[in-house]
Amino acid sequence: MTTVMGNIGNDFYSAFYEPDVARRREALLVWVESAAPKIQAAVEDELKAFVEWVCEERWTEEGWKRGEEKLHRIQNDYPLVMDIRLRRLGLREKYIGQLPDRVEHWSPAPISAPAGEALTKPVAASSIPDDGRRSPNDDRSDSMNPNNDAYQAATDNRSDQMNPNNDAYWSSRGR
């Protein structure tokens, strides 16, 4: 089970975004000092969730024997590891803890803008363009989804381009 640390991650981002190197290093050290007690408090819950996951269906004698055999086989290859990282949560992933607040980030000033010009417009954290157009990522996800018509069109085009008996094969080679 995954433990989501709430706004501790947002606090990390805020410290990391400090443009001055010395102040960034100091901000990150302050973040570590403030985040450590909160993370230590979550470790016990994480260990309890781990024990429950390992022992699921292992409370009977037969289940315990199967679990013991499996753990003996994997013991040398699977050490106990604690990962702290930034990553996206899966749609069906089980988690404990609190999700962080959504944030909006400010777009950087254009390169042609005078130095020190204030940032003007917040940019939404989502990837949906404001003008209603689809992003290249949307198109790519369509062509990678077997349930979408774009997927079939993409596979047909690939097979056409790989077939020397098809005009698309020769046109893709500049002939």
Protein backbone atom coordinates (compact mmCIF):
# COMPACT_ATOMS: atom_id res chain seq x y z
CA MET A 1 0.00 0.00 0.00
CA THR A 2 1.21 3.49 -0.79
CA THR A 3 1.38 6.24 1.81
CA VAL A 4 0.65 9.67 0.35
CA MET A 5 2.30 12.38 2.41
CA GLY A 6 -0.17 15.22 1.84
CA ASN A 7 1.36 18.65 1.36
CA ILE A 8 4.89 17.57 2.34
CA GLY A 9 5.55 17.04 -1.38
CA ASN A 10 4.27 20.52 -2.22
CA ASP A 11 6.58 21.93 0.45
CA PHE A 12 9.47 20.13 -1.27
CA TYR A 13 8.54 21.67 -4.61
CA SER A 14 8.38 25.13 -3.05
CA ALA A 15 11.84 24.72 -1.55
CA PHE A 16 13.26 23.34 -4.80
CA TYR A 17 11.89 26.23 -6.88
CA GLU A 18 14.06 28.76 -5.01
CA PRO A 19 16.20 30.27 -7.82
CA ASP A 20 19.21 31.20 -5.66
CA VAL A 21 21.48 28.17 -5.12
CA ALA A 22 22.49 28.96 -1.53
CA ARG A 23 18.95 29.79 -0.47
CA ARG A 24 17.63 26.68 -2.26
CA ARG A 25 20.07 24.46 -0.37
CA GLU A 26 19.01 26.08 2.91
CA ALA A 27 15.31 25.78 2.04
CA LEU A 28 15.72 22.08 1.22
CA LEU A 29 17.54 21.44 4.52
CA VAL A 30 14.74 23.22 6.40
CA TRP A 31 12.25 21.08 4.47
CA VAL A 32 14.08 17.88 5.51
CA GLU A 33 14.00 18.96 9.17
CA SER A 34 10.27 19.74 9.02
CA ALA A 35 9.30 16.68 6.93
CA ALA A 36 11.29 14.05 8.87
CA PRO A 37 9.02 13.90 11.97
CA LYS A 38 5.89 13.68 9.79
CA ILE A 39 7.40 10.87 7.71
CA GLN A 40 8.63 9.03 10.83
CA ALA A 41 5.09 9.13 12.21
CA ALA A 42 3.81 7.50 9.00
CA VAL A 43 6.38 4.69 9.07
CA GLU A 44 4.50 2.68 11.73
CA ASP A 45 1.27 2.78 9.69
CA GLU A 46 3.21 1.81 6.57
CA LEU A 47 4.75 -1.20 8.38
CA LYS A 48 1.34 -2.31 9.67
CA ALA A 49 -0.08 -2.10 6.13
CA PHE A 50 2.92 -4.11 4.88
CA VAL A 51 2.37 -6.87 7.48
CA GLU A 52 -1.33 -7.06 6.61
CA TRP A 53 -0.50 -7.30 2.89
CA VAL A 54 2.08 -10.08 3.41
CA CYS A 55 -0.18 -12.03 5.78
CA GLU A 56 -3.32 -11.70 3.67
CA GLU A 57 -4.73 -15.24 3.29
CA ARG A 58 -1.85 -16.52 5.47
CA TRP A 59 -3.65 -16.73 8.82
CA THR A 60 -4.55 -20.43 8.37
CA GLU A 61 -1.98 -23.22 8.75
CA GLU A 62 -2.12 -24.07 5.04
CA GLY A 63 -1.89 -20.43 3.97
CA TRP A 64 1.03 -19.84 6.31
CA LYS A 65 2.95 -22.82 4.85
CA ARG A 66 2.43 -21.54 1.30
CA GLY A 67 3.58 -18.09 2.39
CA GLU A 68 6.62 -19.50 4.19
CA GLU A 69 7.68 -21.43 1.08
CA LYS A 70 7.30 -18.38 -1.10
CA LEU A 71 9.24 -16.12 1.26
CA HIS A 72 12.08 -18.65 1.48
CA ARG A 73 12.36 -18.60 -2.33
CA ILE A 74 12.41 -14.81 -2.67
CA GLN A 75 14.21 -13.83 0.53
CA ASN A 76 17.63 -13.23 -1.04
CA ASP A 77 16.24 -11.24 -3.97
CA TYR A 78 13.69 -9.08 -2.14
CA PRO A 79 15.15 -6.98 0.69
CA LEU A 80 12.85 -4.71 2.67
CA VAL A 81 13.06 -1.29 0.98
CA MET A 82 11.51 2.06 1.83
CA ASP A 83 11.18 4.40 -1.15
CA ILE A 84 10.48 8.07 -0.83
CA ARG A 85 9.94 9.55 -4.26
CA LEU A 86 7.75 11.73 -6.39
CA ARG A 87 5.51 9.76 -8.70
CA ARG A 88 2.04 9.66 -10.16
CA LEU A 89 -0.57 7.54 -8.38
CA GLY A 90 -2.31 4.86 -10.41
CA LEU A 91 -6.07 5.11 -10.86
CA ARG A 92 -6.72 1.87 -8.96
CA GLU A 93 -3.87 2.18 -6.49
CA LYS A 94 -4.71 1.82 -2.82
CA TYR A 95 -3.21 4.47 -0.59
CA ILE A 96 -3.37 5.80 2.93
CA GLY A 97 -2.76 9.37 3.99
CA GLN A 98 -3.93 12.60 2.47
CA LEU A 99 -3.59 13.77 -1.11
CA PRO A 100 -1.83 17.13 -1.48
CA ASP A 101 -3.68 20.31 -2.36
CA ARG A 102 -3.79 21.13 -6.08
CA VAL A 103 -1.52 24.01 -7.05
CA GLU A 104 -1.28 26.36 -9.99
CA HIS A 105 2.13 27.38 -11.21
CA TRP A 106 3.08 30.70 -12.72
CA SER A 107 4.40 30.67 -16.25
CA PRO A 108 7.88 32.12 -16.58
CA ALA A 109 8.28 35.57 -18.10
CA PRO A 110 8.95 35.49 -21.84
CA ILE A 111 12.61 35.63 -22.84
CA SER A 112 12.03 38.98 -24.55
CA ALA A 113 10.57 40.49 -21.34
CA PRO A 114 12.72 42.90 -19.33
CA ALA A 115 14.53 41.33 -16.38
CA GLY A 116 12.54 41.31 -13.18
CA GLU A 117 9.18 41.66 -14.89
CA ALA A 118 6.45 40.18 -12.74
CA LEU A 119 4.78 36.99 -13.75
CA THR A 120 1.37 37.76 -15.11
CA LYS A 121 -0.85 34.75 -15.57
CA PRO A 122 -1.22 31.51 -13.62
CA VAL A 123 -1.20 28.39 -15.74
CA ALA A 124 -3.56 25.60 -14.73
CA ALA A 125 -1.86 22.45 -13.55
CA SER A 126 -3.78 20.33 -16.07
CA SER A 127 -2.54 19.59 -19.58
CA ILE A 128 -5.77 20.56 -21.37
CA PRO A 129 -5.13 23.51 -23.70
CA ASP A 130 -7.29 26.57 -22.98
CA ASP A 131 -8.29 26.99 -26.63
CA GLY A 132 -10.01 23.58 -26.76
CA ARG A 133 -7.43 21.97 -29.05
CA ARG A 134 -6.10 18.52 -28.28
CA SER A 135 -2.50 18.16 -27.18
CA PRO A 136 -0.02 15.84 -28.93
CA ASN A 137 -0.22 13.61 -25.84
CA ASP A 138 -3.97 13.23 -26.37
CA ASP A 139 -3.40 12.15 -29.96
CA ARG A 140 -0.68 9.74 -28.91
CA SER A 141 -2.89 8.17 -26.26
CA ASP A 142 -5.60 7.68 -28.89
CA SER A 143 -3.23 5.93 -31.25
CA MET A 144 -1.95 3.66 -28.45
CA ASN A 145 -5.45 2.61 -27.29
CA PRO A 146 -6.66 -0.58 -29.06
CA ASN A 147 -10.28 0.49 -28.46
CA ASN A 148 -9.85 3.70 -30.48
CA ASP A 149 -10.23 4.11 -34.26
CA ALA A 150 -6.94 6.01 -34.37
CA TYR A 151 -5.16 2.87 -33.15
CA GLN A 152 -6.43 0.82 -36.09
CA ALA A 153 -5.53 3.60 -38.53
CA ALA A 154 -2.02 3.82 -37.10
CA THR A 155 -1.45 0.08 -37.36
CA ASP A 156 -2.83 0.02 -40.90
CA ASN A 157 -0.50 2.85 -41.92
CA ARG A 158 2.49 1.07 -40.38
CA SER A 159 1.72 -2.12 -42.22
CA ASP A 160 1.26 -0.12 -45.45
CA GLN A 161 4.65 1.54 -44.97
CA MET A 162 6.31 -1.82 -44.35
CA ASN A 163 4.79 -3.47 -47.45
CA PRO A 164 6.88 -3.01 -50.66
CA ASN A 165 3.75 -3.78 -52.71
CA ASN A 166 2.05 -0.65 -51.36
CA ASP A 167 2.56 2.93 -52.61
CA ALA A 168 2.99 4.15 -49.01
CA TYR A 169 6.13 2.02 -48.75
CA TRP A 170 7.82 3.84 -51.62
CA SER A 171 6.49 7.32 -50.74
CA SER A 172 7.90 7.01 -47.24
CA ARG A 173 11.32 6.43 -48.81
CA GLY A 174 11.25 9.59 -50.91
CA ARG A 175 10.37 7.91 -54.22
